[in-house]
Amino acid sequence: MSARALPQVDAARAIERGKRVVALEREALEAVESKLGESFARAVAIVAGARGRVIVSGVGKSGLIGRKIAATLTSTGTPATFLHPTESLHGDLGIVGADDVALLLSKSGETTELLPLLEHFTRTGVPVIAITGAPGSSLARHADAALDASVREEACPHDLAPTTSTTAALAIGDALAVALLQEKGFQREDFARLHPGGALGKKLLVTVSDVMETADLPVLAATATMREAVVRLAERRGIAIVTGPAQDVHGVVTAGDLSRLMEKRADVLSIPVAEVMTQHPKMAKADELGSAAVHRMEQHGIMALPVVNAAGTLVGVVHLHDLMRAGAV
């Protein structure tokens, strides 16, 4: 760290000011939530029915929020691009197609640079969705769906710097993106396909079938004794799976079960596994995401799971450590 002396700051006052900002923004979000209604549902329907992209535009801080909304839409299955209003009037309107939808952001709803863009979209039949802090503005009146992002006041003590208003607009954009994600049935696998790089893509792409063991499974018949189970537990990383004639899973025996049994009984080896096994154990599906299996294992304190196919037949066993090594966490 730098040795430069820090200025003297009233800590209590700084904390109080910070809390005031968070409180005002929380209040703004509660107001946004209460105002979501038919216009929001119409906006979702407009975008869901579009065959083209969402063209997002705004100026200044609204533009910055618009860029983030465009990125969120694109990453969740709704192709979107940001169009700067000024650049649009100098040739960039060529990127707009008849099948596109426009999403315009403006706190005042009267932004000088944005109104010509609104006029163009209206004239060419491109549906317009507005996110604005002024429900009675030109932008709101001429939009096909106007989403109310008005706030009581900015967190700035002079009520000038966009703070609560940009938080409100961003929340509406996120709400729109997530509602569309669910409307389109966008799944984790789709998200992984759009995020193949880095830890996130790796986590989402790992499935149980990628990691599970399939050879020489630690299987026991229901008539087996704990003598046989001990051998399987030692050989196969602390789990034995009790199956029926059709390879359906009846239960599991773990090293933990063996330890607890030895504390209570002296004649451990002769006890039938059916008396010791956990019936109806937690299991994994071969085609499920590894991250889902990890969550279930951590939730229940389990180190390994039997893996079954759609018919309920045992096809493998998956270990927590293997999933973690594969990046499914």
Foldseek 3Di string as FASTA:
>chain_A
DDPDDDDDDDVVVVVVLVVLQVVQLVVLQVVLVVQDDDLLVVVLVLQLPFPDAEEEEEDDLQLVLSQVLQVLLCLLPGHYDYDYLVVCVVPPVVVDDLRYAYEYEDAQLPPPSCVVVLVVCLVSVHAYEYEYCDCPHPNNVSHPGYRHSHGPAHSPPVSPDHRSSSSSSNVSSNVSSVVNSVVVVRDLLNSLVSVCDDLSVLQSPAFQLVQWDFPPAQEDEQQAFVLSVVVSCVVPVFKHFYADPQQATFFMGGPVLLVVVVVPDDPRGGHGVNVRTDGPDDAAERGGGLLVVLVVCVVVVHFKHFYAYPVRHTRGMHGNVRSVVSSND
